[in-house]
Amino acid sequence: MAVCNVSLQVVPRGTDDIYATVDKVIEYIIASGVKYVVGPMETTMEGELPQLLEIVEKAQEICVEAGADRIISVVKIDYSPKGVTMDEKIAKYR
């Protein structure tokens, strides 16, 4: 499968500390070994789509385990059969 980009924003409701919960999700993304960029509103990951969607699913579980009673998630997928990388999209800005 081709490399793609998936951006994930989670907004957990009902936790004592939203930022601490989001930090747990980011820690999981880092531990997964995929290439990622943390932004102020979302984290973008690069890899094969099935693996990235598993990370999205696990992010929901992490929020629930942290006490969230509801999670609003925004997921953006940039997929091309030829593959697409973060570098090709943002290299000119670096």
C-alpha atoms as a PDB file:
ATOM      1  CA  MET A   1       0.000   0.000   0.000  1.00  0.00           C
ATOM      2  CA  ALA A   2       1.154   3.538  -0.718  1.00  0.00           C
ATOM      3  CA  VAL A   3       2.351   5.932   1.947  1.00  0.00           C
ATOM      4  CA  CYS A   4      -0.272   8.511   2.881  1.00  0.00           C
ATOM      5  CA  ASN A   5      -0.870  11.262   5.428  1.00  0.00           C
ATOM      6  CA  VAL A   6      -3.479  11.196   8.167  1.00  0.00           C
ATOM      7  CA  SER A   7      -4.077  14.187  10.422  1.00  0.00           C
ATOM      8  CA  LEU A   8      -5.800  13.620  13.754  1.00  0.00           C
ATOM      9  CA  GLN A   9      -7.321  16.075  16.176  1.00  0.00           C
ATOM     10  CA  VAL A  10      -8.935  14.713  19.332  1.00  0.00           C
ATOM     11  CA  VAL A  11     -11.055  16.764  21.708  1.00  0.00           C
ATOM     12  CA  PRO A  12     -11.859  14.607  24.752  1.00  0.00           C
ATOM     13  CA  ARG A  13     -14.827  15.688  26.863  1.00  0.00           C
ATOM     14  CA  GLY A  14     -15.169  14.870  30.524  1.00  0.00           C
ATOM     15  CA  THR A  15     -11.493  14.513  31.434  1.00  0.00           C
ATOM     16  CA  ASP A  16      -9.922  16.509  34.241  1.00  0.00           C
ATOM     17  CA  ASP A  17      -7.178  17.793  31.937  1.00  0.00           C
ATOM     18  CA  ILE A  18      -7.763  17.853  28.184  1.00  0.00           C
ATOM     19  CA  TYR A  19      -4.114  18.658  27.449  1.00  0.00           C
ATOM     20  CA  ALA A  20      -2.833  15.735  29.521  1.00  0.00           C
ATOM     21  CA  THR A  21      -5.160  13.412  27.620  1.00  0.00           C
ATOM     22  CA  VAL A  22      -4.052  14.778  24.254  1.00  0.00           C
ATOM     23  CA  ASP A  23      -0.439  14.352  25.412  1.00  0.00           C
ATOM     24  CA  LYS A  24      -1.143  10.649  26.029  1.00  0.00           C
ATOM     25  CA  VAL A  25      -2.425  10.310  22.473  1.00  0.00           C
ATOM     26  CA  ILE A  26       0.681  12.051  21.117  1.00  0.00           C
ATOM     27  CA  GLU A  27       2.908   9.796  23.238  1.00  0.00           C
ATOM     28  CA  TYR A  28       1.194   6.800  21.653  1.00  0.00           C
ATOM     29  CA  ILE A  29       1.736   8.210  18.158  1.00  0.00           C
ATOM     30  CA  ILE A  30       5.426   8.746  18.937  1.00  0.00           C
ATOM     31  CA  ALA A  31       5.752   5.204  20.321  1.00  0.00           C
ATOM     32  CA  SER A  32       4.114   3.762  17.193  1.00  0.00           C
ATOM     33  CA  GLY A  33       7.197   4.651  15.176  1.00  0.00           C
ATOM     34  CA  VAL A  34       5.391   6.424  12.338  1.00  0.00           C
ATOM     35  CA  LYS A  35       6.679   9.706  11.006  1.00  0.00           C
ATOM     36  CA  TYR A  36       4.675  12.550  12.546  1.00  0.00           C
ATOM     37  CA  VAL A  37       4.474  16.320  12.980  1.00  0.00           C
ATOM     38  CA  VAL A  38       2.703  17.800  15.996  1.00  0.00           C
ATOM     39  CA  GLY A  39       0.892  21.031  15.191  1.00  0.00           C
ATOM     40  CA  PRO A  40      -1.069  23.423  17.362  1.00  0.00           C
ATOM     41  CA  MET A  41      -4.436  21.973  16.299  1.00  0.00           C
ATOM     42  CA  GLU A  42      -3.665  18.429  15.082  1.00  0.00           C
ATOM     43  CA  THR A  43      -0.958  15.852  14.602  1.00  0.00           C
ATOM     44  CA  THR A  44      -0.158  14.663  11.085  1.00  0.00           C
ATOM     45  CA  MET A  45       1.204  11.164  10.565  1.00  0.00           C
ATOM     46  CA  GLU A  46       2.782   9.469   7.573  1.00  0.00           C
ATOM     47  CA  GLY A  47       2.619   5.772   6.805  1.00  0.00           C
ATOM     48  CA  GLU A  48       0.402   3.091   5.374  1.00  0.00           C
ATOM     49  CA  LEU A  49      -3.304   3.754   5.768  1.00  0.00           C
ATOM     50  CA  PRO A  50      -4.244   0.626   7.772  1.00  0.00           C
ATOM     51  CA  GLN A  51      -1.594   1.347  10.405  1.00  0.00           C
ATOM     52  CA  LEU A  52      -2.586   5.002  10.674  1.00  0.00           C
ATOM     53  CA  LEU A  53      -6.264   4.128  11.038  1.00  0.00           C
ATOM     54  CA  GLU A  54      -5.347   1.722  13.849  1.00  0.00           C
ATOM     55  CA  ILE A  55      -3.635   4.642  15.584  1.00  0.00           C
ATOM     56  CA  VAL A  56      -6.791   6.749  15.145  1.00  0.00           C
ATOM     57  CA  GLU A  57      -8.866   3.968  16.694  1.00  0.00           C
ATOM     58  CA  LYS A  58      -6.457   3.521  19.614  1.00  0.00           C
ATOM     59  CA  ALA A  59      -6.508   7.294  20.206  1.00  0.00           C
ATOM     60  CA  GLN A  60     -10.211   7.021  21.003  1.00  0.00           C
ATOM     61  CA  GLU A  61      -9.517   4.238  23.510  1.00  0.00           C
ATOM     62  CA  ILE A  62      -6.731   6.268  25.145  1.00  0.00           C
ATOM     63  CA  CYS A  63      -9.137   9.158  25.670  1.00  0.00           C
ATOM     64  CA  VAL A  64     -11.765   6.873  27.223  1.00  0.00           C
ATOM     65  CA  GLU A  65      -9.139   5.297  29.497  1.00  0.00           C
ATOM     66  CA  ALA A  66      -8.235   8.837  30.615  1.00  0.00           C
ATOM     67  CA  GLY A  67     -11.842   9.448  31.659  1.00  0.00           C
ATOM     68  CA  ALA A  68     -13.421  10.993  28.565  1.00  0.00           C
ATOM     69  CA  ASP A  69     -17.123  10.324  28.221  1.00  0.00           C
ATOM     70  CA  ARG A  70     -17.118  11.585  24.640  1.00  0.00           C
ATOM     71  CA  ILE A  71     -14.435  12.337  22.055  1.00  0.00           C
ATOM     72  CA  ILE A  72     -14.781  14.621  19.079  1.00  0.00           C
ATOM     73  CA  SER A  73     -12.185  13.628  16.476  1.00  0.00           C
ATOM     74  CA  VAL A  74     -11.336  15.268  13.204  1.00  0.00           C
ATOM     75  CA  VAL A  75      -9.504  12.992  10.770  1.00  0.00           C
ATOM     76  CA  LYS A  76      -8.092  14.118   7.428  1.00  0.00           C
ATOM     77  CA  ILE A  77      -6.653  11.626   4.957  1.00  0.00           C
ATOM     78  CA  ASP A  78      -4.452  12.541   2.004  1.00  0.00           C
ATOM     79  CA  TYR A  79      -4.108   9.386  -0.071  1.00  0.00           C
ATOM     80  CA  SER A  80      -2.747   8.760  -3.549  1.00  0.00           C
ATOM     81  CA  PRO A  81      -2.050   5.362  -5.128  1.00  0.00           C
ATOM     82  CA  LYS A  82       1.387   6.783  -5.999  1.00  0.00           C
ATOM     83  CA  GLY A  83       1.999   7.794  -2.379  1.00  0.00           C
ATOM     84  CA  VAL A  84       2.189  11.193  -0.752  1.00  0.00           C
ATOM     85  CA  THR A  85       4.626  12.466   1.864  1.00  0.00           C
ATOM     86  CA  MET A  86       4.623  15.346   4.299  1.00  0.00           C
ATOM     87  CA  ASP A  87       8.013  16.461   2.997  1.00  0.00           C
ATOM     88  CA  GLU A  88       6.809  16.928  -0.561  1.00  0.00           C
ATOM     89  CA  LYS A  89       4.033  19.179   0.720  1.00  0.00           C
ATOM     90  CA  ILE A  90       5.990  21.333   3.170  1.00  0.00           C
ATOM     91  CA  ALA A  91       9.680  21.142   2.147  1.00  0.00           C
ATOM     92  CA  LYS A  92       9.579  24.568   0.502  1.00  0.00           C
ATOM     93  CA  TYR A  93       8.607  26.081   3.863  1.00  0.00           C
ATOM     94  CA  ARG A  94      11.477  24.501   5.796  1.00  0.00           C
END
